[in-house]
Each structure stands twice: as C-alpha cells, then as structure tokens.
Amino acid sequence: LAHSRRLDGRSLKKGRVLDHDDLEALKAAGI
C-alpha cells in the first residue's frame, strides 16, 4: 500500500502488504 487509508474501525498504513482481509475491508468501504 502506497498511502495510508482510514476505514471504519481500522486504519491501513502505507507500506503494508495487503492481504485478503485488507482487500475485503477496502471493498466494503466502496474503494
């Protein structure tokens, strides 16, 4: 992940290697 993203209930920091749960959270946020 190149830039941090704030989602409901969690925060994905830049530099994070995205896993399946992260992608599901992004999809749920409409991203």
PDB file of all heavy atoms in Angstrom:
ATOM      1  N   LEU A   1       0.839  -1.194   0.000  1.00  0.00           N
ATOM      2  CA  LEU A   1       0.000   0.000   0.000  1.00  0.00           C
ATOM      3  C   LEU A   1       0.879   1.250   0.000  1.00  0.00           C
ATOM      4  O   LEU A   1       1.766   1.396   0.842  1.00  0.00           O
ATOM      5  CB  LEU A   1      -0.919  -0.002   1.223  1.00  0.00           C
ATOM      6  CG  LEU A   1      -1.957   1.113   1.317  1.00  0.00           C
ATOM      7  CD1 LEU A   1      -2.962   1.021   0.161  1.00  0.00           C
ATOM      8  CD2 LEU A   1      -2.692   1.033   2.655  1.00  0.00           C
ATOM      9  N   ALA A   2       0.629   2.161  -0.949  1.00  0.00           N
ATOM     10  CA  ALA A   2       1.482   3.342  -1.094  1.00  0.00           C
ATOM     11  C   ALA A   2       1.087   4.473  -0.152  1.00  0.00           C
ATOM     12  O   ALA A   2       1.951   5.256   0.268  1.00  0.00           O
ATOM     13  CB  ALA A   2       1.437   3.832  -2.541  1.00  0.00           C
ATOM     14  N   HIS A   3      -0.201   4.585   0.175  1.00  0.00           N
ATOM     15  CA  HIS A   3      -0.669   5.682   1.025  1.00  0.00           C
ATOM     16  C   HIS A   3      -1.648   5.140   2.063  1.00  0.00           C
ATOM     17  O   HIS A   3      -2.474   4.284   1.758  1.00  0.00           O
ATOM     18  CB  HIS A   3      -1.353   6.760   0.187  1.00  0.00           C
ATOM     19  CG  HIS A   3      -0.502   7.294  -0.924  1.00  0.00           C
ATOM     20  ND1 HIS A   3       0.596   8.079  -0.695  1.00  0.00           N
ATOM     21  CD2 HIS A   3      -0.578   7.111  -2.278  1.00  0.00           C
ATOM     22  CE1 HIS A   3       1.162   8.383  -1.851  1.00  0.00           C
ATOM     23  NE2 HIS A   3       0.475   7.805  -2.824  1.00  0.00           N
ATOM     24  N   SER A   4      -1.544   5.650   3.278  1.00  0.00           N
ATOM     25  CA  SER A   4      -2.418   5.182   4.356  1.00  0.00           C
ATOM     26  C   SER A   4      -3.874   5.459   4.017  1.00  0.00           C
ATOM     27  O   SER A   4      -4.203   6.478   3.396  1.00  0.00           O
ATOM     28  CB  SER A   4      -2.052   5.866   5.676  1.00  0.00           C
ATOM     29  OG  SER A   4      -0.726   5.567   6.048  1.00  0.00           O
ATOM     30  N   ARG A   5      -4.743   4.540   4.430  1.00  0.00           N
ATOM     31  CA  ARG A   5      -6.189   4.704   4.213  1.00  0.00           C
ATOM     32  C   ARG A   5      -6.908   4.498   5.538  1.00  0.00           C
ATOM     33  O   ARG A   5      -6.661   3.517   6.252  1.00  0.00           O
ATOM     34  CB  ARG A   5      -6.708   3.681   3.192  1.00  0.00           C
ATOM     35  CG  ARG A   5      -6.080   3.790   1.811  1.00  0.00           C
ATOM     36  CD  ARG A   5      -6.346   5.143   1.168  1.00  0.00           C
ATOM     37  NE  ARG A   5      -7.748   5.360   0.875  1.00  0.00           N
ATOM     38  CZ  ARG A   5      -8.284   5.205  -0.338  1.00  0.00           C
ATOM     39  NH1 ARG A   5      -7.532   4.820  -1.363  1.00  0.00           N
ATOM     40  NH2 ARG A   5      -9.565   5.445  -0.543  1.00  0.00           N
ATOM     41  N   ARG A   6      -7.791   5.431   5.872  1.00  0.00           N
ATOM     42  CA  ARG A   6      -8.608   5.309   7.068  1.00  0.00           C
ATOM     43  C   ARG A   6      -9.943   4.688   6.684  1.00  0.00           C
ATOM     44  O   ARG A   6     -10.658   5.188   5.802  1.00  0.00           O
ATOM     45  CB  ARG A   6      -8.853   6.691   7.683  1.00  0.00           C
ATOM     46  CG  ARG A   6      -7.619   7.364   8.245  1.00  0.00           C
ATOM     47  CD  ARG A   6      -7.150   6.703   9.527  1.00  0.00           C
ATOM     48  NE  ARG A   6      -8.143   6.788  10.571  1.00  0.00           N
ATOM     49  CZ  ARG A   6      -8.267   7.822  11.400  1.00  0.00           C
ATOM     50  NH1 ARG A   6      -7.461   8.866  11.277  1.00  0.00           N
ATOM     51  NH2 ARG A   6      -9.190   7.833  12.328  1.00  0.00           N
ATOM     52  N   LEU A   7     -10.277   3.570   7.313  1.00  0.00           N
ATOM     53  CA  LEU A   7     -11.544   2.888   7.081  1.00  0.00           C
ATOM     54  C   LEU A   7     -12.327   2.872   8.391  1.00  0.00           C
ATOM     55  O   LEU A   7     -11.770   3.123   9.470  1.00  0.00           O
ATOM     56  CB  LEU A   7     -11.297   1.460   6.591  1.00  0.00           C
ATOM     57  CG  LEU A   7     -10.363   1.295   5.384  1.00  0.00           C
ATOM     58  CD1 LEU A   7     -10.139  -0.175   5.086  1.00  0.00           C
ATOM     59  CD2 LEU A   7     -10.946   1.998   4.161  1.00  0.00           C
ATOM     60  N   ASP A   8     -13.584   2.534   8.332  1.00  0.00           N
ATOM     61  CA  ASP A   8     -14.374   2.423   9.550  1.00  0.00           C
ATOM     62  C   ASP A   8     -13.813   1.313  10.432  1.00  0.00           C
ATOM     63  O   ASP A   8     -13.773   0.150  10.023  1.00  0.00           O
ATOM     64  CB  ASP A   8     -15.847   2.120   9.219  1.00  0.00           C
ATOM     65  CG  ASP A   8     -16.546   3.312   8.586  1.00  0.00           C
ATOM     66  OD1 ASP A   8     -16.040   4.438   8.757  1.00  0.00           O
ATOM     67  OD2 ASP A   8     -17.586   3.112   7.914  1.00  0.00           O
ATOM     68  N   GLY A   9     -13.377   1.680  11.616  1.00  0.00           N
ATOM     69  CA  GLY A   9     -12.916   0.683  12.575  1.00  0.00           C
ATOM     70  C   GLY A   9     -11.479   0.233  12.398  1.00  0.00           C
ATOM     71  O   GLY A   9     -10.973  -0.544  13.208  1.00  0.00           O
ATOM     72  N   ARG A  10     -10.783   0.696  11.366  1.00  0.00           N
ATOM     73  CA  ARG A  10      -9.391   0.277  11.196  1.00  0.00           C
ATOM     74  C   ARG A  10      -8.652   1.272  10.310  1.00  0.00           C
ATOM     75  O   ARG A  10      -9.250   2.093   9.622  1.00  0.00           O
ATOM     76  CB  ARG A  10      -9.307  -1.130  10.605  1.00  0.00           C
ATOM     77  CG  ARG A  10      -9.816  -1.239   9.181  1.00  0.00           C
ATOM     78  CD  ARG A  10      -9.824  -2.677   8.689  1.00  0.00           C
ATOM     79  NE  ARG A  10      -8.514  -3.289   8.755  1.00  0.00           N
ATOM     80  CZ  ARG A  10      -8.252  -4.508   8.311  1.00  0.00           C
ATOM     81  NH1 ARG A  10      -9.221  -5.262   7.825  1.00  0.00           N
ATOM     82  NH2 ARG A  10      -7.040  -4.996   8.382  1.00  0.00           N
ATOM     83  N   SER A  11      -7.350   1.168  10.356  1.00  0.00           N
ATOM     84  CA  SER A  11      -6.504   2.042   9.554  1.00  0.00           C
ATOM     85  C   SER A  11      -5.454   1.182   8.873  1.00  0.00           C
ATOM     86  O   SER A  11      -4.796   0.356   9.520  1.00  0.00           O
ATOM     87  CB  SER A  11      -5.838   3.100  10.449  1.00  0.00           C
ATOM     88  OG  SER A  11      -4.938   3.881   9.716  1.00  0.00           O
ATOM     89  N   LEU A  12      -5.305   1.341   7.561  1.00  0.00           N
ATOM     90  CA  LEU A  12      -4.279   0.631   6.799  1.00  0.00           C
ATOM     91  C   LEU A  12      -3.134   1.603   6.549  1.00  0.00           C
ATOM     92  O   LEU A  12      -3.301   2.622   5.895  1.00  0.00           O
ATOM     93  CB  LEU A  12      -4.843   0.108   5.475  1.00  0.00           C
ATOM     94  CG  LEU A  12      -6.034  -0.850   5.571  1.00  0.00           C
ATOM     95  CD1 LEU A  12      -6.472  -1.289   4.173  1.00  0.00           C
ATOM     96  CD2 LEU A  12      -5.688  -2.061   6.429  1.00  0.00           C
ATOM     97  N   LYS A  13      -1.946   1.277   7.077  1.00  0.00           N
ATOM     98  CA  LYS A  13      -0.807   2.168   6.970  1.00  0.00           C
ATOM     99  C   LYS A  13      -0.059   1.947   5.657  1.00  0.00           C
ATOM    100  O   LYS A  13       0.013   0.824   5.147  1.00  0.00           O
ATOM    101  CB  LYS A  13       0.149   1.938   8.141  1.00  0.00           C
ATOM    102  CG  LYS A  13      -0.425   2.289   9.497  1.00  0.00           C
ATOM    103  CD  LYS A  13      -0.561   3.790   9.648  1.00  0.00           C
ATOM    104  CE  LYS A  13      -1.017   4.157  11.062  1.00  0.00           C
ATOM    105  NZ  LYS A  13      -1.106   5.613  11.231  1.00  0.00           N
ATOM    106  N   LYS A  14       0.540   3.021   5.159  1.00  0.00           N
ATOM    107  CA  LYS A  14       1.357   2.883   3.963  1.00  0.00           C
ATOM    108  C   LYS A  14       2.502   1.918   4.243  1.00  0.00           C
ATOM    109  O   LYS A  14       3.015   1.832   5.361  1.00  0.00           O
ATOM    110  CB  LYS A  14       1.910   4.241   3.527  1.00  0.00           C
ATOM    111  CG  LYS A  14       2.957   4.830   4.458  1.00  0.00           C
ATOM    112  CD  LYS A  14       3.499   6.135   3.898  1.00  0.00           C
ATOM    113  CE  LYS A  14       4.580   6.693   4.829  1.00  0.00           C
ATOM    114  NZ  LYS A  14       5.166   7.939   4.298  1.00  0.00           N
ATOM    115  N   GLY A  15       2.881   1.157   3.216  1.00  0.00           N
ATOM    116  CA  GLY A  15       3.919   0.156   3.379  1.00  0.00           C
ATOM    117  C   GLY A  15       3.386  -1.205   3.784  1.00  0.00           C
ATOM    118  O   GLY A  15       4.136  -2.174   3.832  1.00  0.00           O
ATOM    119  N   ARG A  16       2.106  -1.293   4.071  1.00  0.00           N
ATOM    120  CA  ARG A  16       1.507  -2.559   4.478  1.00  0.00           C
ATOM    121  C   ARG A  16       1.366  -3.480   3.270  1.00  0.00           C
ATOM    122  O   ARG A  16       0.927  -3.060   2.191  1.00  0.00           O
ATOM    123  CB  ARG A  16       0.141  -2.307   5.106  1.00  0.00           C
ATOM    124  CG  ARG A  16      -0.586  -3.559   5.598  1.00  0.00           C
ATOM    125  CD  ARG A  16      -1.951  -3.203   6.164  1.00  0.00           C
ATOM    126  NE  ARG A  16      -2.657  -4.363   6.667  1.00  0.00           N
ATOM    127  CZ  ARG A  16      -2.536  -4.844   7.896  1.00  0.00           C
ATOM    128  NH1 ARG A  16      -1.729  -4.245   8.731  1.00  0.00           N
ATOM    129  NH2 ARG A  16      -3.218  -5.897   8.284  1.00  0.00           N
ATOM    130  N   VAL A  17       1.717  -4.742   3.457  1.00  0.00           N
ATOM    131  CA  VAL A  17       1.496  -5.745   2.415  1.00  0.00           C
ATOM    132  C   VAL A  17       0.048  -6.202   2.541  1.00  0.00           C
ATOM    133  O   VAL A  17      -0.364  -6.767   3.561  1.00  0.00           O
ATOM    134  CB  VAL A  17       2.465  -6.939   2.560  1.00  0.00           C
ATOM    135  CG1 VAL A  17       2.166  -7.991   1.489  1.00  0.00           C
ATOM    136  CG2 VAL A  17       3.905  -6.464   2.436  1.00  0.00           C
ATOM    137  N   LEU A  18      -0.739  -5.942   1.527  1.00  0.00           N
ATOM    138  CA  LEU A  18      -2.184  -6.162   1.593  1.00  0.00           C
ATOM    139  C   LEU A  18      -2.530  -7.645   1.535  1.00  0.00           C
ATOM    140  O   LEU A  18      -2.048  -8.385   0.676  1.00  0.00           O
ATOM    141  CB  LEU A  18      -2.864  -5.438   0.427  1.00  0.00           C
ATOM    142  CG  LEU A  18      -2.705  -3.904   0.438  1.00  0.00           C
ATOM    143  CD1 LEU A  18      -3.177  -3.319  -0.872  1.00  0.00           C
ATOM    144  CD2 LEU A  18      -3.458  -3.303   1.615  1.00  0.00           C
ATOM    145  N   ASP A  19      -3.390  -8.079   2.485  1.00  0.00           N
ATOM    146  CA  ASP A  19      -3.859  -9.466   2.482  1.00  0.00           C
ATOM    147  C   ASP A  19      -5.349  -9.502   2.129  1.00  0.00           C
ATOM    148  O   ASP A  19      -5.966  -8.463   1.857  1.00  0.00           O
ATOM    149  CB  ASP A  19      -3.589 -10.135   3.834  1.00  0.00           C
ATOM    150  CG  ASP A  19      -4.245  -9.416   5.006  1.00  0.00           C
ATOM    151  OD1 ASP A  19      -5.241  -8.693   4.772  1.00  0.00           O
ATOM    152  OD2 ASP A  19      -3.781  -9.585   6.151  1.00  0.00           O
ATOM    153  N   HIS A  20      -5.903 -10.690   2.166  1.00  0.00           N
ATOM    154  CA  HIS A  20      -7.289 -10.879   1.753  1.00  0.00           C
ATOM    155  C   HIS A  20      -8.243 -10.052   2.605  1.00  0.00           C
ATOM    156  O   HIS A  20      -9.172  -9.407   2.083  1.00  0.00           O
ATOM    157  CB  HIS A  20      -7.657 -12.362   1.830  1.00  0.00           C
ATOM    158  CG  HIS A  20      -9.103 -12.637   1.502  1.00  0.00           C
ATOM    159  ND1 HIS A  20      -9.594 -12.609   0.212  1.00  0.00           N
ATOM    160  CD2 HIS A  20     -10.174 -12.919   2.315  1.00  0.00           C
ATOM    161  CE1 HIS A  20     -10.890 -12.870   0.235  1.00  0.00           C
ATOM    162  NE2 HIS A  20     -11.263 -13.061   1.493  1.00  0.00           N
ATOM    163  N   ASP A  21      -8.033 -10.046   3.932  1.00  0.00           N
ATOM    164  CA  ASP A  21      -8.923  -9.283   4.813  1.00  0.00           C
ATOM    165  C   ASP A  21      -8.856  -7.787   4.515  1.00  0.00           C
ATOM    166  O   ASP A  21      -9.875  -7.080   4.581  1.00  0.00           O
ATOM    167  CB  ASP A  21      -8.553  -9.532   6.276  1.00  0.00           C
ATOM    168  CG  ASP A  21      -8.893 -10.954   6.715  1.00  0.00           C
ATOM    169  OD1 ASP A  21      -9.690 -11.607   6.020  1.00  0.00           O
ATOM    170  OD2 ASP A  21      -8.350 -11.400   7.748  1.00  0.00           O
ATOM    171  N   ASP A  22      -7.632  -7.293   4.198  1.00  0.00           N
ATOM    172  CA  ASP A  22      -7.498  -5.876   3.856  1.00  0.00           C
ATOM    173  C   ASP A  22      -8.317  -5.537   2.613  1.00  0.00           C
ATOM    174  O   ASP A  22      -9.004  -4.506   2.561  1.00  0.00           O
ATOM    175  CB  ASP A  22      -6.030  -5.529   3.600  1.00  0.00           C
ATOM    176  CG  ASP A  22      -5.161  -5.728   4.835  1.00  0.00           C
ATOM    177  OD1 ASP A  22      -5.684  -5.606   5.953  1.00  0.00           O
ATOM    178  OD2 ASP A  22      -3.965  -5.990   4.651  1.00  0.00           O
ATOM    179  N   LEU A  23      -8.245  -6.408   1.616  1.00  0.00           N
ATOM    180  CA  LEU A  23      -8.972  -6.149   0.375  1.00  0.00           C
ATOM    181  C   LEU A  23     -10.468  -6.175   0.603  1.00  0.00           C
ATOM    182  O   LEU A  23     -11.209  -5.353   0.030  1.00  0.00           O
ATOM    183  CB  LEU A  23      -8.573  -7.182  -0.688  1.00  0.00           C
ATOM    184  CG  LEU A  23      -7.079  -7.246  -1.048  1.00  0.00           C
ATOM    185  CD1 LEU A  23      -6.858  -8.200  -2.210  1.00  0.00           C
ATOM    186  CD2 LEU A  23      -6.539  -5.866  -1.386  1.00  0.00           C
ATOM    187  N   GLU A  24     -10.923  -7.080   1.463  1.00  0.00           N
ATOM    188  CA  GLU A  24     -12.356  -7.136   1.765  1.00  0.00           C
ATOM    189  C   GLU A  24     -12.801  -5.851   2.463  1.00  0.00           C
ATOM    190  O   GLU A  24     -13.884  -5.319   2.198  1.00  0.00           O
ATOM    191  CB  GLU A  24     -12.666  -8.351   2.638  1.00  0.00           C
ATOM    192  CG  GLU A  24     -12.519  -9.683   1.920  1.00  0.00           C
ATOM    193  CD  GLU A  24     -13.447  -9.796   0.717  1.00  0.00           C
ATOM    194  OE1 GLU A  24     -14.649  -9.482   0.866  1.00  0.00           O
ATOM    195  OE2 GLU A  24     -12.964 -10.171  -0.370  1.00  0.00           O
ATOM    196  N   ALA A  25     -11.948  -5.333   3.353  1.00  0.00           N
ATOM    197  CA  ALA A  25     -12.291  -4.090   4.052  1.00  0.00           C
ATOM    198  C   ALA A  25     -12.335  -2.916   3.075  1.00  0.00           C
ATOM    199  O   ALA A  25     -13.191  -2.037   3.186  1.00  0.00           O
ATOM    200  CB  ALA A  25     -11.271  -3.819   5.163  1.00  0.00           C
ATOM    201  N   LEU A  26     -11.418  -2.895   2.110  1.00  0.00           N
ATOM    202  CA  LEU A  26     -11.419  -1.834   1.108  1.00  0.00           C
ATOM    203  C   LEU A  26     -12.667  -1.903   0.233  1.00  0.00           C
ATOM    204  O   LEU A  26     -13.300  -0.882  -0.068  1.00  0.00           O
ATOM    205  CB  LEU A  26     -10.157  -1.938   0.241  1.00  0.00           C
ATOM    206  CG  LEU A  26      -8.838  -1.543   0.930  1.00  0.00           C
ATOM    207  CD1 LEU A  26      -7.647  -2.012   0.098  1.00  0.00           C
ATOM    208  CD2 LEU A  26      -8.770  -0.033   1.137  1.00  0.00           C
ATOM    209  N   LYS A  27     -13.020  -3.117  -0.158  1.00  0.00           N
ATOM    210  CA  LYS A  27     -14.228  -3.290  -0.968  1.00  0.00           C
ATOM    211  C   LYS A  27     -15.466  -2.831  -0.196  1.00  0.00           C
ATOM    212  O   LYS A  27     -16.347  -2.160  -0.746  1.00  0.00           O
ATOM    213  CB  LYS A  27     -14.375  -4.753  -1.391  1.00  0.00           C
ATOM    214  CG  LYS A  27     -13.321  -5.236  -2.377  1.00  0.00           C
ATOM    215  CD  LYS A  27     -13.490  -6.730  -2.640  1.00  0.00           C
ATOM    216  CE  LYS A  27     -12.384  -7.268  -3.523  1.00  0.00           C
ATOM    217  NZ  LYS A  27     -12.486  -8.742  -3.721  1.00  0.00           N
ATOM    218  N   ALA A  28     -15.524  -3.229   1.092  1.00  0.00           N
ATOM    219  CA  ALA A  28     -16.675  -2.848   1.913  1.00  0.00           C
ATOM    220  C   ALA A  28     -16.791  -1.333   2.063  1.00  0.00           C
ATOM    221  O   ALA A  28     -17.883  -0.794   2.259  1.00  0.00           O
ATOM    222  CB  ALA A  28     -16.568  -3.501   3.291  1.00  0.00           C
ATOM    223  N   ALA A  29     -15.642  -0.644   1.962  1.00  0.00           N
ATOM    224  CA  ALA A  29     -15.642   0.814   2.064  1.00  0.00           C
ATOM    225  C   ALA A  29     -15.933   1.472   0.717  1.00  0.00           C
ATOM    226  O   ALA A  29     -15.897   2.706   0.611  1.00  0.00           O
ATOM    227  CB  ALA A  29     -14.298   1.293   2.596  1.00  0.00           C
ATOM    228  N   GLY A  30     -16.206   0.650  -0.313  1.00  0.00           N
ATOM    229  CA  GLY A  30     -16.535   1.199  -1.622  1.00  0.00           C
ATOM    230  C   GLY A  30     -15.337   1.650  -2.428  1.00  0.00           C
ATOM    231  O   GLY A  30     -15.464   2.450  -3.361  1.00  0.00           O
ATOM    232  N   ILE A  31     -14.138   1.146  -2.073  1.00  0.00           N
ATOM    233  CA  ILE A  31     -12.915   1.528  -2.784  1.00  0.00           C
ATOM    234  C   ILE A  31     -12.606   0.480  -3.848  1.00  0.00           C
ATOM    235  O   ILE A  31     -12.447  -0.708  -3.525  1.00  0.00           O
ATOM    236  CB  ILE A  31     -11.731   1.662  -1.802  1.00  0.00           C
ATOM    237  CG1 ILE A  31     -12.054   2.758  -0.769  1.00  0.00           C
ATOM    238  CG2 ILE A  31     -10.435   1.977  -2.535  1.00  0.00           C
ATOM    239  CD1 ILE A  31     -11.056   2.831   0.365  1.00  0.00           C
TER     240      ILE A  31
END
